[in-house]
Protein backbone atom coordinates (compact mmCIF):
# COMPACT_ATOMS: atom_id res chain seq x y z
CA MET A 1 153.41 122.31 125.18
CA GLY A 2 150.33 120.72 123.71
CA TRP A 3 149.27 118.54 120.83
CA SER A 4 149.81 119.52 117.23
CA THR A 5 146.88 119.65 114.81
CA ARG A 6 147.86 116.27 113.40
CA GLN A 7 148.11 114.73 116.88
CA LEU A 8 144.72 116.15 117.85
CA ALA A 9 143.14 114.75 114.70
CA GLU A 10 144.65 111.33 115.32
CA LEU A 11 143.44 111.31 118.95
CA ALA A 12 139.91 112.20 117.85
CA GLY A 13 139.92 109.75 114.96
CA THR A 14 139.37 112.42 112.33
CA SER A 15 141.39 114.26 109.69
CA LEU A 16 143.47 117.42 109.54
CA ARG A 17 141.07 118.80 106.95
CA THR A 18 138.11 118.26 109.28
CA VAL A 19 139.81 120.01 112.19
CA ARG A 20 140.65 122.98 109.98
CA HIS A 21 137.09 123.09 108.65
CA TYR A 22 135.71 123.21 112.20
CA HIS A 23 138.00 126.15 112.85
CA ASP A 24 136.77 127.88 109.69
CA VAL A 25 133.09 127.54 110.61
CA GLY A 26 133.67 128.56 114.22
CA LEU A 27 132.85 125.25 115.89
CA LEU A 28 136.31 124.60 117.29
CA PRO A 29 138.18 127.48 118.97
CA GLU A 30 141.66 128.28 117.74
CA PRO A 31 144.36 127.27 120.24
CA GLU A 32 147.25 129.41 121.39
CA ARG A 33 150.39 129.33 119.34
CA GLY A 34 153.85 128.70 120.67
CA SER A 35 156.96 130.73 120.01
CA ASN A 36 157.47 128.73 116.84
CA ASN A 37 153.96 129.81 115.69
CA TYR A 38 152.71 126.23 115.83
CA LYS A 39 149.27 125.56 117.31
CA HIS A 40 149.18 123.82 120.66
CA TYR A 41 145.93 122.02 121.50
CA GLY A 42 144.83 120.96 124.96
CA VAL A 43 142.26 118.68 126.53
CA ARG A 44 139.36 121.16 126.05
CA HIS A 45 139.99 121.09 122.31
CA LEU A 46 139.96 117.31 122.25
CA VAL A 47 136.73 117.23 124.29
CA ARG A 48 135.07 119.72 121.94
CA LEU A 49 136.26 117.88 118.83
CA LEU A 50 134.95 114.57 120.18
CA GLN A 51 131.65 116.25 121.03
CA ILE A 52 131.30 117.59 117.48
CA LYS A 53 132.25 114.22 116.01
CA ARG A 54 129.70 112.40 118.17
CA LEU A 55 126.90 114.82 117.30
CA THR A 56 127.62 114.64 113.56
CA ASP A 57 127.67 110.84 113.78
CA LEU A 58 124.20 111.03 115.36
CA GLY A 59 122.97 113.10 112.44
CA PHE A 60 123.20 116.71 113.59
CA SER A 61 124.25 119.23 110.99
CA LEU A 62 127.09 121.64 111.71
CA PRO A 63 124.68 124.62 111.95
CA GLN A 64 122.62 122.69 114.50
CA ILE A 65 125.74 121.94 116.53
CA ALA A 66 126.71 125.61 116.37
CA GLU A 67 123.30 126.55 117.81
CA MET A 68 123.90 124.25 120.78
CA GLY A 69 127.10 126.08 121.64
CA ASP A 70 130.03 124.39 123.34
CA ALA A 71 128.59 124.27 126.85
CA ASP A 72 128.81 121.03 128.79
CA ASP A 73 125.02 121.00 129.37
CA HIS A 74 123.24 117.94 128.02
CA PRO A 75 121.42 119.09 124.81
CA GLU A 76 118.21 117.25 125.67
CA ALA A 77 115.86 119.31 123.52
CA ALA A 78 118.06 118.94 120.45
CA LEU A 79 118.46 115.21 121.02
CA ARG A 80 114.71 114.72 121.38
CA ALA A 81 114.11 116.65 118.17
CA LEU A 82 116.65 114.51 116.35
CA ASP A 83 115.05 111.38 117.77
CA LYS A 84 111.74 112.42 116.19
CA GLU A 85 113.46 113.02 112.86
CA LEU A 86 115.15 109.63 113.02
CA GLU A 87 111.84 107.95 113.86
CA ALA A 88 110.28 109.48 110.76
CA THR A 89 113.30 108.49 108.67
CA ILE A 90 113.11 104.89 109.91
CA GLU A 91 109.41 104.72 109.02
CA ARG A 92 110.16 106.10 105.55
CA LEU A 93 112.96 103.58 105.03
CA GLN A 94 110.75 100.73 106.20
CA ARG A 95 108.09 101.75 103.67
CA ALA A 96 110.80 101.95 101.02
CA ARG A 97 111.92 98.41 101.86
CA VAL A 98 108.36 97.13 101.51
CA GLU A 99 108.07 98.80 98.11
CA LEU A 100 111.45 97.44 97.05
CA GLY A 101 110.29 93.97 98.03
CA LEU A 102 107.25 94.37 95.78
CA LEU A 103 109.44 95.56 92.93
CA LEU A 104 111.80 92.62 93.32
CA ARG A 105 109.04 90.00 93.61
CA HIS A 106 106.49 91.26 91.12
CA ALA A 107 108.24 93.84 88.92
CA PRO A 108 105.39 96.39 89.11
CA PRO A 109 105.82 99.81 87.48
CA THR A 110 108.09 102.11 89.48
CA ASP A 111 106.24 105.36 88.73
CA LEU A 112 103.12 104.34 90.66
CA PRO A 113 102.40 104.22 94.41
CA PRO A 114 102.33 100.70 95.88
CA GLU A 115 98.52 100.84 96.17
CA LEU A 116 98.28 100.86 92.36
CA ALA A 117 101.58 99.35 91.24
CA LEU A 118 100.68 95.67 91.65
CA ALA A 119 97.17 96.14 90.25
CA ALA A 120 98.55 97.95 87.20
CA ALA A 121 101.22 95.30 86.65
CA ASP A 122 98.57 92.55 86.55
CA ALA A 123 95.99 94.46 84.49
CA ASN A 124 97.56 94.11 81.02
CA LEU A 125 96.90 97.80 80.31
CA SER A 126 97.42 99.51 76.99
CA GLY A 127 100.00 102.26 76.81
CA ALA A 128 97.28 104.91 76.94
CA ASP A 129 95.50 103.30 79.88
CA ARG A 130 98.84 102.94 81.65
CA GLY A 131 99.47 106.66 81.21
CA LEU A 132 96.03 107.51 82.56
CA VAL A 133 96.65 105.38 85.66
CA THR A 134 99.84 107.32 86.28
CA VAL A 135 97.95 110.63 86.09
CA MET A 136 95.17 109.35 88.35
CA SER A 137 97.75 108.22 90.92
CA ARG A 138 98.68 111.89 91.33
CA LEU A 139 95.09 112.95 91.99
CA LEU A 140 93.81 110.20 94.27
CA THR A 141 94.73 109.65 97.91
CA GLY A 142 94.03 107.16 100.69
CA ASP A 143 90.86 105.13 100.17
CA GLN A 144 90.49 106.57 96.68
CA LEU A 145 93.71 104.81 95.62
CA ASP A 146 92.40 101.54 97.07
CA SER A 147 89.15 101.93 95.13
CA TYR A 148 90.98 102.67 91.90
CA ALA A 149 93.21 99.63 92.46
CA GLU A 150 90.04 97.54 92.81
CA LEU A 151 88.86 98.91 89.47
CA LEU A 152 92.13 97.88 87.81
CA ARG A 153 91.99 94.39 89.30
CA ALA A 154 88.37 93.97 88.19
CA GLY A 155 88.96 95.24 84.68
CA ASP A 156 90.13 92.09 82.90
CA SER A 157 90.87 92.84 79.27
CA THR A 158 88.16 91.61 76.89
CA GLU A 159 87.75 91.53 73.13
CA VAL A 160 85.75 94.76 73.21
CA ASP A 161 88.52 96.42 75.25
CA ARG A 162 91.06 95.43 72.64
CA GLU A 163 88.72 96.77 69.98
CA PHE A 164 88.71 100.10 71.81
CA ASP A 165 92.53 100.09 72.03
CA ASP A 166 92.79 99.50 68.27
CA LEU A 167 90.04 101.95 67.29
CA PRO A 168 91.30 104.21 64.47
CA ALA A 169 91.16 107.95 64.98
CA ASP A 170 88.85 108.42 61.99
CA ALA A 171 86.23 105.88 63.07
CA ASP A 172 82.74 107.12 62.18
CA ALA A 173 79.98 108.08 64.62
CA GLU A 174 78.09 104.82 64.17
CA THR A 175 81.18 102.78 65.01
CA THR A 176 81.97 104.76 68.15
CA ARG A 177 78.35 104.62 69.36
CA ASP A 178 78.15 100.86 68.73
CA LEU A 179 81.41 100.23 70.59
CA ALA A 180 80.29 102.33 73.54
CA GLU A 181 77.02 100.36 73.76
CA ARG A 182 78.96 97.09 73.81
CA MET A 183 81.37 98.38 76.49
CA LEU A 184 78.65 99.76 78.76
CA PRO A 185 77.34 96.44 80.21
CA ARG A 186 80.77 95.46 81.55
CA ILE A 187 81.37 98.95 82.94
CA ARG A 188 77.96 98.88 84.66
CA GLU A 189 78.79 95.46 86.09
CA VAL A 190 82.11 96.69 87.52
CA LEU A 191 80.46 99.77 89.03
CA ALA A 192 77.72 97.63 90.56
CA GLU A 193 80.36 95.43 92.19
CA HIS A 194 82.29 98.51 93.38
CA PRO A 195 79.74 101.31 93.85
CA ASP A 196 82.30 103.62 95.50
CA LEU A 197 84.03 103.87 92.11
CA ARG A 198 81.04 105.62 90.54
CA ASP A 199 81.77 108.85 92.38
CA LEU A 200 85.47 109.08 93.14
CA ASP A 201 86.10 112.11 95.32
CA LEU A 202 88.73 113.87 93.23
CA PRO A 203 90.42 117.01 94.54
CA PRO A 204 88.46 119.87 92.98
CA GLN A 205 91.37 122.15 92.18
CA ARG A 206 92.37 121.64 88.56
CA ALA A 207 91.36 117.95 88.69
CA ALA A 208 89.00 118.19 85.73
CA GLN A 209 91.57 120.11 83.72
CA THR A 210 94.31 117.63 84.56
CA ILE A 211 92.20 114.65 83.52
CA GLY A 212 91.02 116.46 80.39
CA VAL A 213 94.59 117.14 79.29
CA ALA A 214 95.55 113.52 79.97
CA LEU A 215 92.60 112.11 77.98
CA ARG A 216 93.26 114.34 74.98
CA ASP A 217 96.96 113.48 75.09
CA LEU A 218 96.52 109.71 75.46
CA TYR A 219 93.46 108.84 73.35
CA ASN A 220 92.51 109.58 69.77
CA PRO A 221 89.33 111.49 68.80
CA ALA A 222 87.30 108.35 68.14
CA GLN A 223 88.22 106.84 71.51
CA LEU A 224 87.28 110.09 73.21
CA GLN A 225 83.92 109.98 71.46
CA VAL A 226 83.38 106.44 72.77
CA MET A 227 84.10 107.74 76.29
CA ARG A 228 81.54 110.52 75.83
CA HIS A 229 78.89 108.00 74.80
CA ILE A 230 79.75 105.83 77.82
CA GLY A 231 79.53 108.85 80.13
CA LEU A 232 76.10 109.75 78.78
CA GLY A 233 74.96 106.16 79.18
CA LEU A 234 76.06 106.06 82.82
CA GLN A 235 74.35 109.39 83.53
CA SER A 236 71.06 107.97 82.29
CA ASP A 237 71.21 104.99 84.69
């Protein structure tokens, strides 16, 4: 005589369905059946079931457990590999908690990395500028993100900025040139304070195309013309 499936499940602290699933996937060997055709489990089945339960609780997948086999040898290599995975997961969760803390305290935008989120939240950006920041956050990495965040923090909105935001699409050439000339001094001042922003090291692959699409999508023709004038003015410095 041995234990029934229900008794085995109760001893292991699991369910009948789980025991049957382990049979189906080949993790738990089928026991012998008695004359009444009922399964009779023994100690080796309980030991194996507890082993599987312990390993799944630690985070091993059933395929990983199957690869280990059912030997009594200590699975040191597998445990060390899982320890590395858990270490990485803990670091990721800790970063997530830091970001959640920022979201709860300051309500920065959730589609930006933390390096830019707080700066963007405090910058009073227009909808178009906000969209451009989101695109740039996908192109910049590391120190580049820090530099761009500095640019956002330094770029306090002025009357001329608001004039640019409100510029109609059909503004004439004289208007766009005049606005660019009035925006240039502040832009030069910001770049002088943060010279690393003058030549952001963007990833070459498709970066120009990505930014070009974003600018055409976010800004109207007159605003784009102002940007061209500003670019020419900066090149002549």
